[in-house]
Amino acid sequence: MYGGRLDQANTALRAYVQEHGDRPWTAEELAELARLRARWTSAARESRMQIRPVAGPVSGSAVMTAA
């Protein structure tokens, strides 16, 4: 859709969140989620894609929507 690195980062982030489901996040899982989001953000900036900030905490499918 966007090309290369951004598509890969997006796919990895979405798969991780979907696989996680609705159960509570552990500290280790949140650390991995933060790593994947940072990778996605970096790729989005490289592609000059506009990133919308998300107000408040996000969870479950909201993470996928924000990403």
N, C-alpha and C. Protein backbone atom coordinates (compact mmCIF):
# COMPACT_ATOMS: atom_id res chain seq x y z
N MET A 1 0.82 -1.19 0.00
CA MET A 1 0.00 0.00 0.00
C MET A 1 0.87 1.26 0.00
N TYR A 2 1.77 1.38 0.98
CA TYR A 2 2.64 2.55 1.04
C TYR A 2 4.02 2.25 0.48
N GLY A 3 4.38 0.99 0.49
CA GLY A 3 5.65 0.59 -0.07
C GLY A 3 6.69 0.20 0.96
N GLY A 4 7.38 -0.88 0.67
CA GLY A 4 8.55 -1.31 1.39
C GLY A 4 8.47 -1.36 2.90
N ARG A 5 9.34 -0.57 3.50
CA ARG A 5 9.54 -0.61 4.95
C ARG A 5 8.26 -0.27 5.73
N LEU A 6 7.50 0.69 5.26
CA LEU A 6 6.28 1.08 5.96
C LEU A 6 5.26 -0.05 5.94
N ASP A 7 5.09 -0.69 4.81
CA ASP A 7 4.16 -1.83 4.73
C ASP A 7 4.59 -2.96 5.66
N GLN A 8 5.89 -3.23 5.71
CA GLN A 8 6.39 -4.29 6.58
C GLN A 8 6.15 -3.95 8.05
N ALA A 9 6.43 -2.71 8.42
CA ALA A 9 6.22 -2.28 9.81
C ALA A 9 4.74 -2.31 10.17
N ASN A 10 3.90 -1.88 9.25
CA ASN A 10 2.46 -1.87 9.47
C ASN A 10 1.93 -3.29 9.65
N THR A 11 2.37 -4.19 8.80
CA THR A 11 1.95 -5.59 8.88
C THR A 11 2.37 -6.21 10.20
N ALA A 12 3.60 -5.96 10.61
CA ALA A 12 4.11 -6.53 11.87
C ALA A 12 3.33 -5.99 13.07
N LEU A 13 3.07 -4.69 13.08
CA LEU A 13 2.34 -4.07 14.18
C LEU A 13 0.91 -4.60 14.26
N ARG A 14 0.23 -4.64 13.15
CA ARG A 14 -1.15 -5.14 13.14
C ARG A 14 -1.22 -6.61 13.56
N ALA A 15 -0.31 -7.42 13.07
CA ALA A 15 -0.31 -8.84 13.41
C ALA A 15 -0.07 -9.03 14.90
N TYR A 16 0.85 -8.26 15.46
CA TYR A 16 1.16 -8.39 16.88
C TYR A 16 -0.06 -8.04 17.74
N VAL A 17 -0.72 -6.94 17.41
CA VAL A 17 -1.89 -6.52 18.19
C VAL A 17 -3.04 -7.51 18.01
N GLN A 18 -3.26 -7.96 16.79
CA GLN A 18 -4.35 -8.90 16.55
C GLN A 18 -4.10 -10.22 17.28
N GLU A 19 -2.86 -10.69 17.24
CA GLU A 19 -2.51 -11.94 17.92
C GLU A 19 -2.68 -11.80 19.43
N HIS A 20 -2.41 -10.62 19.95
CA HIS A 20 -2.51 -10.38 21.39
C HIS A 20 -3.94 -10.51 21.90
N GLY A 21 -4.87 -9.98 21.15
CA GLY A 21 -6.27 -10.06 21.55
C GLY A 21 -6.62 -9.05 22.64
N ASP A 22 -7.66 -9.37 23.40
CA ASP A 22 -8.19 -8.43 24.40
C ASP A 22 -7.67 -8.66 25.81
N ARG A 23 -6.70 -9.54 25.97
CA ARG A 23 -6.19 -9.78 27.32
C ARG A 23 -5.27 -8.63 27.75
N PRO A 24 -5.04 -8.48 29.04
CA PRO A 24 -4.16 -7.40 29.52
C PRO A 24 -2.74 -7.54 28.97
N TRP A 25 -2.08 -6.41 28.78
CA TRP A 25 -0.71 -6.38 28.26
C TRP A 25 0.28 -6.52 29.41
N THR A 26 1.29 -7.36 29.24
CA THR A 26 2.37 -7.45 30.23
C THR A 26 3.40 -6.37 29.90
N ALA A 27 4.32 -6.16 30.83
CA ALA A 27 5.38 -5.16 30.60
C ALA A 27 6.22 -5.54 29.38
N GLU A 28 6.50 -6.81 29.22
CA GLU A 28 7.30 -7.27 28.08
C GLU A 28 6.55 -7.04 26.76
N GLU A 29 5.26 -7.32 26.77
CA GLU A 29 4.45 -7.12 25.56
C GLU A 29 4.34 -5.64 25.22
N LEU A 30 4.20 -4.80 26.23
CA LEU A 30 4.14 -3.36 25.98
C LEU A 30 5.47 -2.84 25.43
N ALA A 31 6.57 -3.41 25.90
CA ALA A 31 7.88 -3.02 25.37
C ALA A 31 7.99 -3.40 23.90
N GLU A 32 7.52 -4.59 23.55
CA GLU A 32 7.56 -5.01 22.14
C GLU A 32 6.62 -4.15 21.31
N LEU A 33 5.45 -3.82 21.84
CA LEU A 33 4.52 -2.95 21.14
C LEU A 33 5.15 -1.58 20.90
N ALA A 34 5.83 -1.05 21.88
CA ALA A 34 6.51 0.25 21.73
C ALA A 34 7.59 0.16 20.66
N ARG A 35 8.33 -0.94 20.63
CA ARG A 35 9.37 -1.12 19.61
C ARG A 35 8.75 -1.16 18.21
N LEU A 36 7.66 -1.90 18.06
CA LEU A 36 7.00 -1.99 16.76
C LEU A 36 6.41 -0.65 16.34
N ARG A 37 5.84 0.08 17.29
CA ARG A 37 5.28 1.40 16.96
C ARG A 37 6.39 2.38 16.57
N ALA A 38 7.52 2.30 17.24
CA ALA A 38 8.65 3.17 16.89
C ALA A 38 9.16 2.85 15.49
N ARG A 39 9.20 1.57 15.17
CA ARG A 39 9.62 1.15 13.82
C ARG A 39 8.64 1.68 12.77
N TRP A 40 7.34 1.58 13.07
CA TRP A 40 6.32 2.08 12.15
C TRP A 40 6.42 3.60 12.00
N THR A 41 6.58 4.30 13.11
CA THR A 41 6.68 5.76 13.07
C THR A 41 7.88 6.20 12.24
N SER A 42 9.00 5.54 12.43
CA SER A 42 10.20 5.86 11.66
C SER A 42 9.96 5.65 10.17
N ALA A 43 9.34 4.53 9.83
CA ALA A 43 9.05 4.24 8.42
C ALA A 43 8.06 5.24 7.84
N ALA A 44 7.06 5.63 8.63
CA ALA A 44 6.07 6.60 8.16
C ALA A 44 6.71 7.96 7.92
N ARG A 45 7.61 8.34 8.80
CA ARG A 45 8.30 9.63 8.62
C ARG A 45 9.17 9.60 7.37
N GLU A 46 9.82 8.48 7.13
CA GLU A 46 10.65 8.36 5.93
C GLU A 46 9.81 8.47 4.66
N SER A 47 8.58 7.99 4.72
CA SER A 47 7.72 8.05 3.54
C SER A 47 6.94 9.36 3.47
N ARG A 48 7.17 10.22 4.46
CA ARG A 48 6.51 11.52 4.55
C ARG A 48 4.99 11.40 4.70
N MET A 49 4.57 10.33 5.33
CA MET A 49 3.16 10.13 5.61
C MET A 49 2.77 10.95 6.83
N GLN A 50 1.61 11.56 6.80
CA GLN A 50 1.15 12.34 7.95
C GLN A 50 0.69 11.39 9.05
N ILE A 51 1.17 11.62 10.27
CA ILE A 51 0.81 10.80 11.42
C ILE A 51 -0.11 11.62 12.31
N ARG A 52 -1.32 11.09 12.54
CA ARG A 52 -2.27 11.78 13.41
C ARG A 52 -2.03 11.37 14.85
N PRO A 53 -1.91 12.32 15.77
CA PRO A 53 -1.79 11.96 17.18
C PRO A 53 -3.10 11.38 17.69
N VAL A 54 -3.01 10.49 18.64
CA VAL A 54 -4.19 9.88 19.24
C VAL A 54 -4.29 10.37 20.67
N ALA A 55 -5.42 10.96 21.02
CA ALA A 55 -5.62 11.48 22.37
C ALA A 55 -5.95 10.33 23.32
N GLY A 56 -5.36 10.35 24.48
CA GLY A 56 -5.69 9.38 25.51
C GLY A 56 -5.07 8.02 25.28
N PRO A 57 -5.32 7.10 26.20
CA PRO A 57 -4.76 5.76 26.08
C PRO A 57 -5.44 4.98 24.95
N VAL A 58 -4.71 4.06 24.38
CA VAL A 58 -5.27 3.21 23.33
C VAL A 58 -5.11 1.76 23.74
N SER A 59 -6.03 0.92 23.27
CA SER A 59 -5.94 -0.51 23.57
C SER A 59 -6.62 -1.30 22.47
N GLY A 60 -6.24 -2.55 22.36
CA GLY A 60 -6.88 -3.46 21.41
C GLY A 60 -6.91 -2.92 20.00
N SER A 61 -8.09 -2.92 19.39
CA SER A 61 -8.23 -2.50 18.01
C SER A 61 -7.92 -1.01 17.83
N ALA A 62 -8.02 -0.22 18.90
CA ALA A 62 -7.70 1.20 18.79
C ALA A 62 -6.24 1.39 18.44
N VAL A 63 -5.38 0.49 18.90
CA VAL A 63 -3.96 0.57 18.56
C VAL A 63 -3.79 0.38 17.07
N MET A 64 -4.53 -0.55 16.50
CA MET A 64 -4.44 -0.80 15.07
C MET A 64 -4.96 0.39 14.28
N THR A 65 -6.01 1.02 14.75
CA THR A 65 -6.56 2.18 14.06
C THR A 65 -5.58 3.34 14.12
N ALA A 66 -4.97 3.53 15.28
CA ALA A 66 -4.01 4.62 15.43
C ALA A 66 -2.78 4.38 14.59
N ALA A 67 -2.39 3.14 14.47
CA ALA A 67 -1.21 2.83 13.69
C ALA A 67 -1.58 2.81 12.25
